[in-house]
Amino acid sequence: MKETASLWAIALLFSSLSLVAVGGANVVVPEMHRQAVDIGHWMTDTEFASLYAIVRAAPGPNMLISTLIGWKAAGLAGAPHIGWLTAQGGFVAGQCRRVFNGHQW
């Protein structure tokens, strides 16, 4: 059974994953899978694998998977908002980490 996720839950998920994604989005793909398939029940294993294959084939950053997971989790009607929120959750948190910790380098 597919459950619908709230936009803020998705943004919070990708914000927290972004903070530990040192080395790129591929580092947290197993956790994304666990959250989206096992815990959230937003999609099946096959759907997740298909989305990951699309992201790997498409040009651009691997973090685009957050937008596709958000779209699958919350539906097509809010896709533009989901894409924006998940991208911000994925990118802004990591950038904040770099800015605040940059003085230590």
PDB file of N, CA and C in Angstrom:
ATOM      1  N   MET A   1       0.833  -1.176   0.000  1.00  0.00           N
ATOM      2  CA  MET A   1       0.000   0.000   0.000  1.00  0.00           C
ATOM      3  C   MET A   1       0.881   1.244   0.000  1.00  0.00           C
ATOM      4  N   LYS A   2       0.581   2.165  -0.907  1.00  0.00           N
ATOM      5  CA  LYS A   2       1.348   3.393  -1.005  1.00  0.00           C
ATOM      6  C   LYS A   2       0.769   4.435  -0.067  1.00  0.00           C
ATOM      7  N   GLU A   3       1.626   5.002   0.757  1.00  0.00           N
ATOM      8  CA  GLU A   3       1.214   6.069   1.650  1.00  0.00           C
ATOM      9  C   GLU A   3       1.648   7.399   1.066  1.00  0.00           C
ATOM     10  N   THR A   4       0.879   8.449   1.323  1.00  0.00           N
ATOM     11  CA  THR A   4       1.229   9.774   0.845  1.00  0.00           C
ATOM     12  C   THR A   4       1.999  10.508   1.921  1.00  0.00           C
ATOM     13  N   ALA A   5       3.088  11.124   1.529  1.00  0.00           N
ATOM     14  CA  ALA A   5       3.932  11.853   2.475  1.00  0.00           C
ATOM     15  C   ALA A   5       3.640  13.345   2.387  1.00  0.00           C
ATOM     16  N   SER A   6       3.875  14.044   3.489  1.00  0.00           N
ATOM     17  CA  SER A   6       3.721  15.497   3.460  1.00  0.00           C
ATOM     18  C   SER A   6       4.968  16.119   2.857  1.00  0.00           C
ATOM     19  N   LEU A   7       4.806  17.302   2.293  1.00  0.00           N
ATOM     20  CA  LEU A   7       5.932  17.987   1.675  1.00  0.00           C
ATOM     21  C   LEU A   7       7.021  18.284   2.694  1.00  0.00           C
ATOM     22  N   TRP A   8       6.622  18.658   3.895  1.00  0.00           N
ATOM     23  CA  TRP A   8       7.606  19.002   4.917  1.00  0.00           C
ATOM     24  C   TRP A   8       8.355  17.776   5.418  1.00  0.00           C
ATOM     25  N   ALA A   9       7.682  16.634   5.461  1.00  0.00           N
ATOM     26  CA  ALA A   9       8.366  15.402   5.868  1.00  0.00           C
ATOM     27  C   ALA A   9       9.436  15.024   4.847  1.00  0.00           C
ATOM     28  N   ILE A  10       9.112  15.203   3.579  1.00  0.00           N
ATOM     29  CA  ILE A  10      10.077  14.899   2.526  1.00  0.00           C
ATOM     30  C   ILE A  10      11.252  15.871   2.585  1.00  0.00           C
ATOM     31  N   ALA A  11      10.956  17.168   2.736  1.00  0.00           N
ATOM     32  CA  ALA A  11      12.022  18.172   2.808  1.00  0.00           C
ATOM     33  C   ALA A  11      12.916  17.927   4.021  1.00  0.00           C
ATOM     34  N   LEU A  12      12.319  17.569   5.149  1.00  0.00           N
ATOM     35  CA  LEU A  12      13.104  17.280   6.350  1.00  0.00           C
ATOM     36  C   LEU A  12      13.991  16.053   6.142  1.00  0.00           C
ATOM     37  N   LEU A  13      13.458  15.041   5.494  1.00  0.00           N
ATOM     38  CA  LEU A  13      14.238  13.843   5.204  1.00  0.00           C
ATOM     39  C   LEU A  13      15.474  14.191   4.379  1.00  0.00           C
ATOM     40  N   PHE A  14      15.286  14.931   3.287  1.00  0.00           N
ATOM     41  CA  PHE A  14      16.417  15.221   2.420  1.00  0.00           C
ATOM     42  C   PHE A  14      17.354  16.254   3.012  1.00  0.00           C
ATOM     43  N   SER A  15      16.853  17.112   3.878  1.00  0.00           N
ATOM     44  CA  SER A  15      17.742  18.040   4.585  1.00  0.00           C
ATOM     45  C   SER A  15      18.676  17.274   5.510  1.00  0.00           C
ATOM     46  N   SER A  16      18.120  16.340   6.251  1.00  0.00           N
ATOM     47  CA  SER A  16      18.961  15.569   7.170  1.00  0.00           C
ATOM     48  C   SER A  16      19.935  14.675   6.414  1.00  0.00           C
ATOM     49  N   LEU A  17      19.505  14.095   5.301  1.00  0.00           N
ATOM     50  CA  LEU A  17      20.411  13.262   4.513  1.00  0.00           C
ATOM     51  C   LEU A  17      21.519  14.104   3.886  1.00  0.00           C
ATOM     52  N   SER A  18      21.196  15.327   3.521  1.00  0.00           N
ATOM     53  CA  SER A  18      22.187  16.205   2.921  1.00  0.00           C
ATOM     54  C   SER A  18      23.329  16.513   3.879  1.00  0.00           C
ATOM     55  N   LEU A  19      23.012  16.583   5.144  1.00  0.00           N
ATOM     56  CA  LEU A  19      24.041  16.904   6.128  1.00  0.00           C
ATOM     57  C   LEU A  19      25.079  15.795   6.280  1.00  0.00           C
ATOM     58  N   VAL A  20      24.697  14.577   5.980  1.00  0.00           N
ATOM     59  CA  VAL A  20      25.640  13.463   6.113  1.00  0.00           C
ATOM     60  C   VAL A  20      26.143  12.958   4.763  1.00  0.00           C
ATOM     61  N   ALA A  21      25.743  13.609   3.691  1.00  0.00           N
ATOM     62  CA  ALA A  21      26.118  13.154   2.347  1.00  0.00           C
ATOM     63  C   ALA A  21      27.465  13.715   1.921  1.00  0.00           C
ATOM     64  N   VAL A  22      28.476  13.489   2.702  1.00  0.00           N
ATOM     65  CA  VAL A  22      29.820  13.910   2.326  1.00  0.00           C
ATOM     66  C   VAL A  22      30.316  12.923   1.273  1.00  0.00           C
ATOM     67  N   GLY A  23      30.561  13.413   0.086  1.00  0.00           N
ATOM     68  CA  GLY A  23      30.980  12.550  -1.005  1.00  0.00           C
ATOM     69  C   GLY A  23      29.931  12.441  -2.093  1.00  0.00           C
ATOM     70  N   GLY A  24      28.814  13.117  -1.942  1.00  0.00           N
ATOM     71  CA  GLY A  24      27.781  13.109  -2.974  1.00  0.00           C
ATOM     72  C   GLY A  24      26.542  12.335  -2.566  1.00  0.00           C
ATOM     73  N   ALA A  25      25.550  12.410  -3.438  1.00  0.00           N
ATOM     74  CA  ALA A  25      24.258  11.775  -3.154  1.00  0.00           C
ATOM     75  C   ALA A  25      24.337  10.256  -3.140  1.00  0.00           C
ATOM     76  N   ASN A  26      25.301   9.698  -3.872  1.00  0.00           N
ATOM     77  CA  ASN A  26      25.406   8.233  -3.911  1.00  0.00           C
ATOM     78  C   ASN A  26      25.695   7.634  -2.545  1.00  0.00           C
ATOM     79  N   VAL A  27      26.262   8.418  -1.662  1.00  0.00           N
ATOM     80  CA  VAL A  27      26.585   7.942  -0.321  1.00  0.00           C
ATOM     81  C   VAL A  27      25.318   7.614   0.472  1.00  0.00           C
ATOM     82  N   VAL A  28      24.256   8.369   0.252  1.00  0.00           N
ATOM     83  CA  VAL A  28      23.035   8.198   1.048  1.00  0.00           C
ATOM     84  C   VAL A  28      21.915   7.482   0.294  1.00  0.00           C
ATOM     85  N   VAL A  29      22.203   6.943  -0.881  1.00  0.00           N
ATOM     86  CA  VAL A  29      21.164   6.223  -1.634  1.00  0.00           C
ATOM     87  C   VAL A  29      20.585   5.055  -0.831  1.00  0.00           C
ATOM     88  N   PRO A  30      21.396   4.260  -0.121  1.00  0.00           N
ATOM     89  CA  PRO A  30      20.787   3.187   0.675  1.00  0.00           C
ATOM     90  C   PRO A  30      19.815   3.706   1.743  1.00  0.00           C
ATOM     91  N   GLU A  31      20.138   4.841   2.357  1.00  0.00           N
ATOM     92  CA  GLU A  31      19.227   5.414   3.357  1.00  0.00           C
ATOM     93  C   GLU A  31      17.979   5.988   2.690  1.00  0.00           C
ATOM     94  N   MET A  32      18.139   6.597   1.508  1.00  0.00           N
ATOM     95  CA  MET A  32      16.971   7.065   0.757  1.00  0.00           C
ATOM     96  C   MET A  32      16.049   5.891   0.448  1.00  0.00           C
ATOM     97  N   HIS A  33      16.642   4.780   0.039  1.00  0.00           N
ATOM     98  CA  HIS A  33      15.856   3.582  -0.263  1.00  0.00           C
ATOM     99  C   HIS A  33      15.122   3.090   0.980  1.00  0.00           C
ATOM    100  N   ARG A  34      15.832   3.026   2.087  1.00  0.00           N
ATOM    101  CA  ARG A  34      15.210   2.552   3.333  1.00  0.00           C
ATOM    102  C   ARG A  34      14.048   3.447   3.740  1.00  0.00           C
ATOM    103  N   GLN A  35      14.243   4.759   3.651  1.00  0.00           N
ATOM    104  CA  GLN A  35      13.184   5.695   4.044  1.00  0.00           C
ATOM    105  C   GLN A  35      11.995   5.638   3.083  1.00  0.00           C
ATOM    106  N   ALA A  36      12.267   5.592   1.786  1.00  0.00           N
ATOM    107  CA  ALA A  36      11.192   5.647   0.788  1.00  0.00           C
ATOM    108  C   ALA A  36      10.456   4.331   0.621  1.00  0.00           C
ATOM    109  N   VAL A  37      11.164   3.215   0.752  1.00  0.00           N
ATOM    110  CA  VAL A  37      10.547   1.908   0.487  1.00  0.00           C
ATOM    111  C   VAL A  37      10.135   1.211   1.780  1.00  0.00           C
ATOM    112  N   ASP A  38      11.068   1.080   2.709  1.00  0.00           N
ATOM    113  CA  ASP A  38      10.797   0.286   3.909  1.00  0.00           C
ATOM    114  C   ASP A  38      10.013   1.032   4.974  1.00  0.00           C
ATOM    115  N   ILE A  39      10.345   2.282   5.211  1.00  0.00           N
ATOM    116  CA  ILE A  39       9.696   3.031   6.293  1.00  0.00           C
ATOM    117  C   ILE A  39       8.463   3.788   5.797  1.00  0.00           C
ATOM    118  N   GLY A  40       8.634   4.593   4.741  1.00  0.00           N
ATOM    119  CA  GLY A  40       7.530   5.417   4.254  1.00  0.00           C
ATOM    120  C   GLY A  40       6.532   4.690   3.381  1.00  0.00           C
ATOM    121  N   HIS A  41       6.934   3.575   2.778  1.00  0.00           N
ATOM    122  CA  HIS A  41       6.089   2.818   1.854  1.00  0.00           C
ATOM    123  C   HIS A  41       5.569   3.714   0.727  1.00  0.00           C
ATOM    124  N   TRP A  42       6.421   4.630   0.261  1.00  0.00           N
ATOM    125  CA  TRP A  42       6.018   5.544  -0.798  1.00  0.00           C
ATOM    126  C   TRP A  42       6.117   4.907  -2.168  1.00  0.00           C
ATOM    127  N   MET A  43       6.944   3.848  -2.287  1.00  0.00           N
ATOM    128  CA  MET A  43       7.141   3.177  -3.565  1.00  0.00           C
ATOM    129  C   MET A  43       7.678   1.778  -3.311  1.00  0.00           C
ATOM    130  N   THR A  44       7.739   1.006  -4.378  1.00  0.00           N
ATOM    131  CA  THR A  44       8.276  -0.354  -4.285  1.00  0.00           C
ATOM    132  C   THR A  44       9.769  -0.340  -4.615  1.00  0.00           C
ATOM    133  N   ASP A  45      10.407  -1.478  -4.396  1.00  0.00           N
ATOM    134  CA  ASP A  45      11.819  -1.618  -4.760  1.00  0.00           C
ATOM    135  C   ASP A  45      12.035  -1.357  -6.250  1.00  0.00           C
ATOM    136  N   THR A  46      11.158  -1.878  -7.068  1.00  0.00           N
ATOM    137  CA  THR A  46      11.275  -1.724  -8.518  1.00  0.00           C
ATOM    138  C   THR A  46      11.133  -0.271  -8.928  1.00  0.00           C
ATOM    139  N   GLU A  47      10.174   0.437  -8.325  1.00  0.00           N
ATOM    140  CA  GLU A  47      10.003   1.858  -8.644  1.00  0.00           C
ATOM    141  C   GLU A  47      11.227   2.664  -8.233  1.00  0.00           C
ATOM    142  N   PHE A  48      11.798   2.358  -7.073  1.00  0.00           N
ATOM    143  CA  PHE A  48      12.988   3.069  -6.631  1.00  0.00           C
ATOM    144  C   PHE A  48      14.149   2.807  -7.594  1.00  0.00           C
ATOM    145  N   ALA A  49      14.322   1.568  -7.989  1.00  0.00           N
ATOM    146  CA  ALA A  49      15.400   1.229  -8.926  1.00  0.00           C
ATOM    147  C   ALA A  49      15.201   1.938 -10.265  1.00  0.00           C
ATOM    148  N   SER A  50      13.970   2.049 -10.711  1.00  0.00           N
ATOM    149  CA  SER A  50      13.687   2.754 -11.966  1.00  0.00           C
ATOM    150  C   SER A  50      14.017   4.236 -11.850  1.00  0.00           C
ATOM    151  N   LEU A  51      13.625   4.848 -10.734  1.00  0.00           N
ATOM    152  CA  LEU A  51      13.942   6.259 -10.523  1.00  0.00           C
ATOM    153  C   LEU A  51      15.448   6.482 -10.458  1.00  0.00           C
ATOM    154  N   TYR A  52      16.148   5.590  -9.794  1.00  0.00           N
ATOM    155  CA  TYR A  52      17.604   5.721  -9.698  1.00  0.00           C
ATOM    156  C   TYR A  52      18.249   5.582 -11.075  1.00  0.00           C
ATOM    157  N   ALA A  53      17.735   4.683 -11.900  1.00  0.00           N
ATOM    158  CA  ALA A  53      18.269   4.512 -13.251  1.00  0.00           C
ATOM    159  C   ALA A  53      18.033   5.764 -14.089  1.00  0.00           C
ATOM    160  N   ILE A  54      16.877   6.387 -13.931  1.00  0.00           N
ATOM    161  CA  ILE A  54      16.586   7.632 -14.653  1.00  0.00           C
ATOM    162  C   ILE A  54      17.561   8.723 -14.246  1.00  0.00           C
ATOM    163  N   VAL A  55      17.808   8.852 -12.946  1.00  0.00           N
ATOM    164  CA  VAL A  55      18.720   9.878 -12.450  1.00  0.00           C
ATOM    165  C   VAL A  55      20.135   9.647 -12.963  1.00  0.00           C
ATOM    166  N   ARG A  56      20.567   8.409 -12.979  1.00  0.00           N
ATOM    167  CA  ARG A  56      21.922   8.110 -13.449  1.00  0.00           C
ATOM    168  C   ARG A  56      22.055   8.349 -14.944  1.00  0.00           C
ATOM    169  N   ALA A  57      20.989   8.152 -15.704  1.00  0.00           N
ATOM    170  CA  ALA A  57      21.038   8.344 -17.156  1.00  0.00           C
ATOM    171  C   ALA A  57      20.894   9.811 -17.556  1.00  0.00           C
ATOM    172  N   ALA A  58      20.214  10.590 -16.730  1.00  0.00           N
ATOM    173  CA  ALA A  58      19.976  11.997 -17.043  1.00  0.00           C
ATOM    174  C   ALA A  58      21.200  12.844 -16.704  1.00  0.00           C
ATOM    175  N   PRO A  59      21.428  13.901 -17.478  1.00  0.00           N
ATOM    176  CA  PRO A  59      22.521  14.810 -17.121  1.00  0.00           C
ATOM    177  C   PRO A  59      22.156  15.616 -15.885  1.00  0.00           C
ATOM    178  N   GLY A  60      23.137  15.973 -15.123  1.00  0.00           N
ATOM    179  CA  GLY A  60      22.891  16.764 -13.926  1.00  0.00           C
ATOM    180  C   GLY A  60      23.345  16.044 -12.682  1.00  0.00           C
ATOM    181  N   PRO A  61      23.141  16.682 -11.533  1.00  0.00           N
ATOM    182  CA  PRO A  61      23.604  16.077 -10.277  1.00  0.00           C
ATOM    183  C   PRO A  61      22.762  14.877  -9.873  1.00  0.00           C
ATOM    184  N   ASN A  62      23.393  13.960  -9.167  1.00  0.00           N
ATOM    185  CA  ASN A  62      22.682  12.768  -8.697  1.00  0.00           C
ATOM    186  C   ASN A  62      21.620  13.100  -7.664  1.00  0.00           C
ATOM    187  N   MET A  63      21.696  14.278  -7.066  1.00  0.00           N
ATOM    188  CA  MET A  63      20.710  14.655  -6.057  1.00  0.00           C
ATOM    189  C   MET A  63      19.322  14.880  -6.662  1.00  0.00           C
ATOM    190  N   LEU A  64      19.216  14.831  -7.982  1.00  0.00           N
ATOM    191  CA  LEU A  64      17.908  14.931  -8.626  1.00  0.00           C
ATOM    192  C   LEU A  64      16.984  13.795  -8.190  1.00  0.00           C
ATOM    193  N   ILE A  65      17.565  12.745  -7.647  1.00  0.00           N
ATOM    194  CA  ILE A  65      16.733  11.637  -7.164  1.00  0.00           C
ATOM    195  C   ILE A  65      15.791  12.121  -6.070  1.00  0.00           C
ATOM    196  N   SER A  66      16.184  13.145  -5.317  1.00  0.00           N
ATOM    197  CA  SER A  66      15.310  13.658  -4.265  1.00  0.00           C
ATOM    198  C   SER A  66      14.020  14.220  -4.848  1.00  0.00           C
ATOM    199  N   THR A  67      14.122  14.878  -6.007  1.00  0.00           N
ATOM    200  CA  THR A  67      12.927  15.415  -6.658  1.00  0.00           C
ATOM    201  C   THR A  67      12.009  14.294  -7.122  1.00  0.00           C
ATOM    202  N   LEU A  68      12.579  13.253  -7.708  1.00  0.00           N
ATOM    203  CA  LEU A  68      11.757  12.139  -8.188  1.00  0.00           C
ATOM    204  C   LEU A  68      11.128  11.356  -7.043  1.00  0.00           C
ATOM    205  N   ILE A  69      11.863  11.179  -5.961  1.00  0.00           N
ATOM    206  CA  ILE A  69      11.284  10.503  -4.795  1.00  0.00           C
ATOM    207  C   ILE A  69      10.153  11.351  -4.222  1.00  0.00           C
ATOM    208  N   GLY A  70      10.360  12.652  -4.145  1.00  0.00           N
ATOM    209  CA  GLY A  70       9.308  13.547  -3.657  1.00  0.00           C
ATOM    210  C   GLY A  70       8.061  13.489  -4.523  1.00  0.00           C
ATOM    211  N   TRP A  71       8.258  13.426  -5.838  1.00  0.00           N
ATOM    212  CA  TRP A  71       7.125  13.338  -6.754  1.00  0.00           C
ATOM    213  C   TRP A  71       6.367  12.030  -6.547  1.00  0.00           C
ATOM    214  N   LYS A  72       7.109  10.918  -6.410  1.00  0.00           N
ATOM    215  CA  LYS A  72       6.438   9.637  -6.189  1.00  0.00           C
ATOM    216  C   LYS A  72       5.743   9.585  -4.833  1.00  0.00           C
ATOM    217  N   ALA A  73       6.332  10.239  -3.836  1.00  0.00           N
ATOM    218  CA  ALA A  73       5.788  10.162  -2.489  1.00  0.00           C
ATOM    219  C   ALA A  73       4.551  11.022  -2.302  1.00  0.00           C
ATOM    220  N   ALA A  74       4.507  12.190  -2.931  1.00  0.00           N
ATOM    221  CA  ALA A  74       3.405  13.120  -2.671  1.00  0.00           C
ATOM    222  C   ALA A  74       2.482  13.328  -3.858  1.00  0.00           C
ATOM    223  N   GLY A  75       2.764  12.739  -4.980  1.00  0.00           N
ATOM    224  CA  GLY A  75       1.853  12.811  -6.104  1.00  0.00           C
ATOM    225  C   GLY A  75       2.209  13.877  -7.134  1.00  0.00           C
ATOM    226  N   LEU A  76       1.562  13.774  -8.287  1.00  0.00           N
ATOM    227  CA  LEU A  76       1.863  14.631  -9.426  1.00  0.00           C
ATOM    228  C   LEU A  76       1.313  16.045  -9.266  1.00  0.00           C
ATOM    229  N   ALA A  77       0.236  16.221  -8.553  1.00  0.00           N
ATOM    230  CA  ALA A  77      -0.388  17.539  -8.452  1.00  0.00           C
ATOM    231  C   ALA A  77       0.550  18.580  -7.843  1.00  0.00           C
ATOM    232  N   GLY A  78       1.370  18.180  -6.920  1.00  0.00           N
ATOM    233  CA  GLY A  78       2.286  19.121  -6.293  1.00  0.00           C
ATOM    234  C   GLY A  78       3.711  18.984  -6.763  1.00  0.00           C
ATOM    235  N   ALA A  79       3.912  18.388  -7.940  1.00  0.00           N
ATOM    236  CA  ALA A  79       5.274  18.108  -8.411  1.00  0.00           C
ATOM    237  C   ALA A  79       6.186  19.335  -8.443  1.00  0.00           C
ATOM    238  N   PRO A  80       5.726  20.495  -8.930  1.00  0.00           N
ATOM    239  CA  PRO A  80       6.646  21.643  -8.924  1.00  0.00           C
ATOM    240  C   PRO A  80       7.085  22.039  -7.517  1.00  0.00           C
ATOM    241  N   HIS A  81       6.163  22.022  -6.572  1.00  0.00           N
ATOM    242  CA  HIS A  81       6.500  22.377  -5.190  1.00  0.00           C
ATOM    243  C   HIS A  81       7.381  21.312  -4.553  1.00  0.00           C
ATOM    244  N   ILE A  82       7.073  20.071  -4.840  1.00  0.00           N
ATOM    245  CA  ILE A  82       7.866  18.975  -4.283  1.00  0.00           C
ATOM    246  C   ILE A  82       9.289  19.043  -4.808  1.00  0.00           C
ATOM    247  N   GLY A  83       9.416  19.270  -6.104  1.00  0.00           N
ATOM    248  CA  GLY A  83      10.743  19.384  -6.690  1.00  0.00           C
ATOM    249  C   GLY A  83      11.542  20.500  -6.050  1.00  0.00           C
ATOM    250  N   TRP A  84      10.903  21.633  -5.840  1.00  0.00           N
ATOM    251  CA  TRP A  84      11.601  22.764  -5.225  1.00  0.00           C
ATOM    252  C   TRP A  84      11.961  22.461  -3.777  1.00  0.00           C
ATOM    253  N   LEU A  85      11.005  21.955  -3.007  1.00  0.00           N
ATOM    254  CA  LEU A  85      11.273  21.677  -1.593  1.00  0.00           C
ATOM    255  C   LEU A  85      12.344  20.603  -1.404  1.00  0.00           C
ATOM    256  N   THR A  86      12.259  19.534  -2.172  1.00  0.00           N
ATOM    257  CA  THR A  86      13.245  18.469  -1.980  1.00  0.00           C
ATOM    258  C   THR A  86      14.621  18.903  -2.462  1.00  0.00           C
ATOM    259  N   ALA A  87      14.659  19.678  -3.535  1.00  0.00           N
ATOM    260  CA  ALA A  87      15.957  20.178  -3.999  1.00  0.00           C
ATOM    261  C   ALA A  87      16.553  21.130  -2.965  1.00  0.00           C
ATOM    262  N   GLN A  88      15.721  22.005  -2.398  1.00  0.00           N
ATOM    263  CA  GLN A  88      16.222  22.918  -1.368  1.00  0.00           C
ATOM    264  C   GLN A  88      16.643  22.138  -0.130  1.00  0.00           C
ATOM    265  N   GLY A  89      15.859  21.156   0.236  1.00  0.00           N
ATOM    266  CA  GLY A  89      16.223  20.330   1.383  1.00  0.00           C
ATOM    267  C   GLY A  89      17.518  19.590   1.152  1.00  0.00           C
ATOM    268  N   GLY A  90      17.746  19.187  -0.082  1.00  0.00           N
ATOM    269  CA  GLY A  90      18.955  18.442  -0.397  1.00  0.00           C
ATOM    270  C   GLY A  90      20.177  19.309  -0.566  1.00  0.00           C
ATOM    271  N   PHE A  91      20.017  20.508  -1.116  1.00  0.00           N
ATOM    272  CA  PHE A  91      21.172  21.330  -1.431  1.00  0.00           C
ATOM    273  C   PHE A  91      21.485  22.374  -0.369  1.00  0.00           C
ATOM    274  N   VAL A  92      20.461  23.015   0.177  1.00  0.00           N
ATOM    275  CA  VAL A  92      20.693  24.120   1.109  1.00  0.00           C
ATOM    276  C   VAL A  92      21.342  23.638   2.402  1.00  0.00           C
ATOM    277  N   ALA A  93      20.894  22.527   2.918  1.00  0.00           N
ATOM    278  CA  ALA A  93      21.481  22.040   4.170  1.00  0.00           C
ATOM    279  C   ALA A  93      22.965  21.736   3.998  1.00  0.00           C
ATOM    280  N   GLY A  94      23.325  21.137   2.894  1.00  0.00           N
ATOM    281  CA  GLY A  94      24.732  20.849   2.636  1.00  0.00           C
ATOM    282  C   GLY A  94      25.548  22.115   2.457  1.00  0.00           C
ATOM    283  N   GLN A  95      24.964  23.104   1.804  1.00  0.00           N
ATOM    284  CA  GLN A  95      25.672  24.379   1.633  1.00  0.00           C
ATOM    285  C   GLN A  95      25.858  25.085   2.968  1.00  0.00           C
ATOM    286  N   CYS A  96      24.849  25.032   3.820  1.00  0.00           N
ATOM    287  CA  CYS A  96      24.978  25.639   5.156  1.00  0.00           C
ATOM    288  C   CYS A  96      26.096  24.964   5.943  1.00  0.00           C
ATOM    289  N   ARG A  97      26.180  23.649   5.826  1.00  0.00           N
ATOM    290  CA  ARG A  97      27.253  22.924   6.499  1.00  0.00           C
ATOM    291  C   ARG A  97      28.611  23.409   6.010  1.00  0.00           C
ATOM    292  N   ARG A  98      28.739  23.614   4.710  1.00  0.00           N
ATOM    293  CA  ARG A  98      30.011  24.071   4.159  1.00  0.00           C
ATOM    294  C   ARG A  98      30.342  25.490   4.600  1.00  0.00           C
ATOM    295  N   VAL A  99      29.350  26.355   4.637  1.00  0.00           N
ATOM    296  CA  VAL A  99      29.590  27.749   5.035  1.00  0.00           C
ATOM    297  C   VAL A  99      29.983  27.829   6.499  1.00  0.00           C
ATOM    298  N   PHE A 100      29.237  27.164   7.360  1.00  0.00           N
ATOM    299  CA  PHE A 100      29.505  27.262   8.792  1.00  0.00           C
ATOM    300  C   PHE A 100      30.792  26.552   9.207  1.00  0.00           C
ATOM    301  N   ASN A 101      31.170  25.515   8.468  1.00  0.00           N
ATOM    302  CA  ASN A 101      32.386  24.791   8.794  1.00  0.00           C
ATOM    303  C   ASN A 101      33.582  25.232   7.953  1.00  0.00           C
ATOM    304  N   GLY A 102      33.367  26.140   7.023  1.00  0.00           N
ATOM    305  CA  GLY A 102      34.420  26.568   6.122  1.00  0.00           C
ATOM    306  C   GLY A 102      35.576  27.258   6.828  1.00  0.00           C
ATOM    307  N   HIS A 103      35.306  27.925   7.907  1.00  0.00           N
ATOM    308  CA  HIS A 103      36.375  28.646   8.619  1.00  0.00           C
ATOM    309  C   HIS A 103      37.397  27.694   9.244  1.00  0.00           C
ATOM    310  N   GLN A 104      37.021  26.426   9.419  1.00  0.00           N
ATOM    311  CA  GLN A 104      37.940  25.468  10.016  1.00  0.00           C
ATOM    312  C   GLN A 104      39.018  25.005   9.030  1.00  0.00           C
ATOM    313  N   TRP A 105      38.796  25.220   7.743  1.00  0.00           N
ATOM    314  CA  TRP A 105      39.789  24.812   6.763  1.00  0.00           C
ATOM    315  C   TRP A 105      40.874  25.820   6.743  1.00  0.00           C
TER     316      TRP A 105
END
